[in-house]
Amino acid sequence: MIGFLIVTHKDLAEALMSVCDLILGRQEGIQALSLDPDAAPGVSQQQIQRALAQANNGHGVIILTDMLGGTPSNLTLPFLQEGKVEVVTGVNLPMLMKLAQLRQEKNLAEAAAALKQSGQKGIAMASEVLKKK
């Protein structure tokens, strides 16, 4: 089973995880880590490394971060390993809802691509959607 690690600024990771738990129930192999903006980068990277180890059960881990170019993403990039660790940015609730369907996927790259697609599909302008009805 693929593991997931949500890494964000401030308290966003835990808030997203809490909503995910509310909707899907508690999911195994998913860790949430909100980085302290005052922590030294080395301390944050150690936290990421520990959380990554907790999320990994041997089938790889997808790290979900809030924003490409932000500190959480930048600090996770050194952990990228083809077939073992992937980083997908722009984490949102539609992506997290997709996790339940991807739990049993064996191919990390395909699962990461499906999360990206789900996140993109989850972005909409309500006025456009309502006009189509």
C-alpha atoms as a PDB file:
ATOM      1  CA  MET A   1       0.000   0.000   0.000  1.00  0.00           C
ATOM      2  CA  ILE A   2       1.376   3.403  -0.994  1.00  0.00           C
ATOM      3  CA  GLY A   3       2.005   5.774   1.898  1.00  0.00           C
ATOM      4  CA  PHE A   4       1.152   9.465   1.887  1.00  0.00           C
ATOM      5  CA  LEU A   5       2.743  12.398   3.676  1.00  0.00           C
ATOM      6  CA  ILE A   6       1.113  15.835   3.683  1.00  0.00           C
ATOM      7  CA  VAL A   7       3.667  18.613   4.330  1.00  0.00           C
ATOM      8  CA  THR A   8       2.488  22.222   4.513  1.00  0.00           C
ATOM      9  CA  HIS A   9       2.962  25.644   6.034  1.00  0.00           C
ATOM     10  CA  LYS A  10       1.599  26.233   9.552  1.00  0.00           C
ATOM     11  CA  ASP A  11      -1.419  24.069  10.542  1.00  0.00           C
ATOM     12  CA  LEU A  12      -2.779  23.289   7.076  1.00  0.00           C
ATOM     13  CA  ALA A  13      -1.617  19.641   6.941  1.00  0.00           C
ATOM     14  CA  GLU A  14      -3.365  18.702  10.181  1.00  0.00           C
ATOM     15  CA  ALA A  15      -6.523  20.605   9.171  1.00  0.00           C
ATOM     16  CA  LEU A  16      -6.666  18.799   5.811  1.00  0.00           C
ATOM     17  CA  MET A  17      -6.045  15.482   7.544  1.00  0.00           C
ATOM     18  CA  SER A  18      -8.818  16.190  10.041  1.00  0.00           C
ATOM     19  CA  VAL A  19     -11.335  16.852   7.260  1.00  0.00           C
ATOM     20  CA  CYS A  20     -10.154  13.763   5.381  1.00  0.00           C
ATOM     21  CA  ASP A  21     -10.670  11.688   8.540  1.00  0.00           C
ATOM     22  CA  LEU A  22     -14.150  13.156   8.968  1.00  0.00           C
ATOM     23  CA  ILE A  23     -15.210  12.241   5.419  1.00  0.00           C
ATOM     24  CA  LEU A  24     -13.347   8.966   4.784  1.00  0.00           C
ATOM     25  CA  GLY A  25     -12.589   7.750   8.281  1.00  0.00           C
ATOM     26  CA  ARG A  26      -9.043   7.347   9.532  1.00  0.00           C
ATOM     27  CA  GLN A  27      -6.762   6.026   6.803  1.00  0.00           C
ATOM     28  CA  GLU A  28      -3.608   4.046   7.539  1.00  0.00           C
ATOM     29  CA  GLY A  29      -0.304   5.139   6.085  1.00  0.00           C
ATOM     30  CA  ILE A  30      -1.118   8.836   5.898  1.00  0.00           C
ATOM     31  CA  GLN A  31       0.948  11.300   7.912  1.00  0.00           C
ATOM     32  CA  ALA A  32       0.427  15.053   8.254  1.00  0.00           C
ATOM     33  CA  LEU A  33       3.249  17.461   9.023  1.00  0.00           C
ATOM     34  CA  SER A  34       2.771  21.205   9.314  1.00  0.00           C
ATOM     35  CA  LEU A  35       6.120  22.962   9.401  1.00  0.00           C
ATOM     36  CA  ASP A  36       6.957  25.578  12.012  1.00  0.00           C
ATOM     37  CA  PRO A  37       8.003  28.732  10.133  1.00  0.00           C
ATOM     38  CA  ASP A  38      10.511  29.547  12.868  1.00  0.00           C
ATOM     39  CA  ALA A  39      12.248  26.158  12.763  1.00  0.00           C
ATOM     40  CA  ALA A  40      15.655  25.812  11.150  1.00  0.00           C
ATOM     41  CA  PRO A  41      15.577  24.022   7.769  1.00  0.00           C
ATOM     42  CA  GLY A  42      17.632  21.156   9.172  1.00  0.00           C
ATOM     43  CA  VAL A  43      15.106  20.583  11.953  1.00  0.00           C
ATOM     44  CA  SER A  44      12.229  20.587   9.459  1.00  0.00           C
ATOM     45  CA  GLN A  45      14.047  18.134   7.192  1.00  0.00           C
ATOM     46  CA  GLN A  46      14.567  15.777  10.140  1.00  0.00           C
ATOM     47  CA  GLN A  47      10.820  15.968  10.856  1.00  0.00           C
ATOM     48  CA  ILE A  48      10.076  15.207   7.201  1.00  0.00           C
ATOM     49  CA  GLN A  49      12.479  12.260   7.248  1.00  0.00           C
ATOM     50  CA  ARG A  50      10.808  10.792  10.376  1.00  0.00           C
ATOM     51  CA  ALA A  51       7.287  11.282   8.979  1.00  0.00           C
ATOM     52  CA  LEU A  52       8.368   9.786   5.651  1.00  0.00           C
ATOM     53  CA  ALA A  53       9.656   6.689   7.441  1.00  0.00           C
ATOM     54  CA  GLN A  54       6.349   6.378   9.329  1.00  0.00           C
ATOM     55  CA  ALA A  55       4.298   6.643   6.123  1.00  0.00           C
ATOM     56  CA  ASN A  56       6.439   4.167   4.173  1.00  0.00           C
ATOM     57  CA  ASN A  57       5.478   0.510   4.371  1.00  0.00           C
ATOM     58  CA  GLY A  58       7.692  -0.574   1.485  1.00  0.00           C
ATOM     59  CA  HIS A  59       5.521   0.470  -1.476  1.00  0.00           C
ATOM     60  CA  GLY A  60       6.732   4.052  -1.686  1.00  0.00           C
ATOM     61  CA  VAL A  61       5.386   7.380  -0.484  1.00  0.00           C
ATOM     62  CA  ILE A  62       3.738  10.303  -2.205  1.00  0.00           C
ATOM     63  CA  ILE A  63       4.463  13.598  -0.477  1.00  0.00           C
ATOM     64  CA  LEU A  64       1.714  16.184  -0.936  1.00  0.00           C
ATOM     65  CA  THR A  65       2.778  19.795  -0.396  1.00  0.00           C
ATOM     66  CA  ASP A  66       0.822  23.018  -0.482  1.00  0.00           C
ATOM     67  CA  MET A  67       2.729  25.062  -3.062  1.00  0.00           C
ATOM     68  CA  LEU A  68       5.565  24.514  -5.514  1.00  0.00           C
ATOM     69  CA  GLY A  69       8.437  26.777  -4.553  1.00  0.00           C
ATOM     70  CA  GLY A  70       7.303  27.108  -0.949  1.00  0.00           C
ATOM     71  CA  THR A  71       9.421  25.955   1.967  1.00  0.00           C
ATOM     72  CA  PRO A  72       7.534  22.656   2.474  1.00  0.00           C
ATOM     73  CA  SER A  73       8.028  21.686  -1.168  1.00  0.00           C
ATOM     74  CA  ASN A  74      11.624  22.850  -1.241  1.00  0.00           C
ATOM     75  CA  LEU A  75      12.460  20.848   1.884  1.00  0.00           C
ATOM     76  CA  THR A  76      10.856  17.669   0.505  1.00  0.00           C
ATOM     77  CA  LEU A  77      12.606  17.731  -2.886  1.00  0.00           C
ATOM     78  CA  PRO A  78      15.837  16.141  -1.574  1.00  0.00           C
ATOM     79  CA  PHE A  79      13.761  13.052  -0.675  1.00  0.00           C
ATOM     80  CA  LEU A  80      12.623  12.448  -4.281  1.00  0.00           C
ATOM     81  CA  GLN A  81      13.547   8.930  -5.417  1.00  0.00           C
ATOM     82  CA  GLU A  82      12.217   7.479  -8.638  1.00  0.00           C
ATOM     83  CA  GLY A  83       9.772   4.694  -7.870  1.00  0.00           C
ATOM     84  CA  LYS A  84      10.065   5.284  -4.120  1.00  0.00           C
ATOM     85  CA  VAL A  85       9.187   8.901  -3.275  1.00  0.00           C
ATOM     86  CA  GLU A  86       7.243  11.388  -5.385  1.00  0.00           C
ATOM     87  CA  VAL A  87       6.261  14.987  -4.549  1.00  0.00           C
ATOM     88  CA  VAL A  88       2.931  16.405  -5.769  1.00  0.00           C
ATOM     89  CA  THR A  89       2.257  20.078  -5.045  1.00  0.00           C
ATOM     90  CA  GLY A  90      -0.976  22.038  -4.612  1.00  0.00           C
ATOM     91  CA  VAL A  91      -2.616  19.663  -2.138  1.00  0.00           C
ATOM     92  CA  ASN A  92      -6.368  20.154  -1.851  1.00  0.00           C
ATOM     93  CA  LEU A  93      -9.366  18.264  -0.504  1.00  0.00           C
ATOM     94  CA  PRO A  94     -10.324  16.587  -3.827  1.00  0.00           C
ATOM     95  CA  MET A  95      -6.831  15.088  -3.922  1.00  0.00           C
ATOM     96  CA  LEU A  96      -7.234  13.712  -0.427  1.00  0.00           C
ATOM     97  CA  MET A  97     -10.599  12.191  -1.303  1.00  0.00           C
ATOM     98  CA  LYS A  98      -8.854  10.325  -4.127  1.00  0.00           C
ATOM     99  CA  LEU A  99      -6.413   8.737  -1.664  1.00  0.00           C
ATOM    100  CA  ALA A 100      -8.898   6.071  -0.605  1.00  0.00           C
ATOM    101  CA  GLN A 101      -9.093   4.797  -4.189  1.00  0.00           C
ATOM    102  CA  LEU A 102      -5.308   4.827  -4.624  1.00  0.00           C
ATOM    103  CA  ARG A 103      -4.412   2.954  -1.448  1.00  0.00           C
ATOM    104  CA  GLN A 104      -3.807  -0.354  -3.215  1.00  0.00           C
ATOM    105  CA  GLU A 105      -1.990   1.015  -6.267  1.00  0.00           C
ATOM    106  CA  LYS A 106       1.454  -0.482  -6.704  1.00  0.00           C
ATOM    107  CA  ASN A 107       2.724   2.046  -9.246  1.00  0.00           C
ATOM    108  CA  LEU A 108       3.804   5.226  -7.506  1.00  0.00           C
ATOM    109  CA  ALA A 109       4.026   7.310 -10.696  1.00  0.00           C
ATOM    110  CA  GLU A 110       0.485   6.402 -11.803  1.00  0.00           C
ATOM    111  CA  ALA A 111      -0.911   7.156  -8.348  1.00  0.00           C
ATOM    112  CA  ALA A 112       0.861  10.530  -8.280  1.00  0.00           C
ATOM    113  CA  ALA A 113      -0.503  11.384 -11.739  1.00  0.00           C
ATOM    114  CA  ALA A 114      -4.041  10.425 -10.638  1.00  0.00           C
ATOM    115  CA  LEU A 115      -3.724  12.698  -7.583  1.00  0.00           C
ATOM    116  CA  LYS A 116      -2.573  15.579  -9.752  1.00  0.00           C
ATOM    117  CA  GLN A 117      -5.496  15.074 -12.119  1.00  0.00           C
ATOM    118  CA  SER A 118      -7.981  14.847  -9.233  1.00  0.00           C
ATOM    119  CA  GLY A 119      -6.648  18.056  -7.707  1.00  0.00           C
ATOM    120  CA  GLN A 120      -6.942  19.891 -11.011  1.00  0.00           C
ATOM    121  CA  LYS A 121     -10.485  18.631 -11.617  1.00  0.00           C
ATOM    122  CA  GLY A 122     -11.434  19.842  -8.139  1.00  0.00           C
ATOM    123  CA  ILE A 123     -10.760  23.468  -9.080  1.00  0.00           C
ATOM    124  CA  ALA A 124     -13.817  25.214 -10.494  1.00  0.00           C
ATOM    125  CA  MET A 125     -15.565  28.542 -10.736  1.00  0.00           C
ATOM    126  CA  ALA A 126     -19.008  27.999  -9.233  1.00  0.00           C
ATOM    127  CA  SER A 127     -20.616  30.524 -11.608  1.00  0.00           C
ATOM    128  CA  GLU A 128     -19.389  28.532 -14.634  1.00  0.00           C
ATOM    129  CA  VAL A 129     -20.635  25.248 -13.221  1.00  0.00           C
ATOM    130  CA  LEU A 130     -24.030  26.691 -12.322  1.00  0.00           C
ATOM    131  CA  LYS A 131     -24.490  28.231 -15.782  1.00  0.00           C
ATOM    132  CA  LYS A 132     -24.153  24.778 -17.371  1.00  0.00           C
ATOM    133  CA  LYS A 133     -27.141  23.444 -15.429  1.00  0.00           C
END
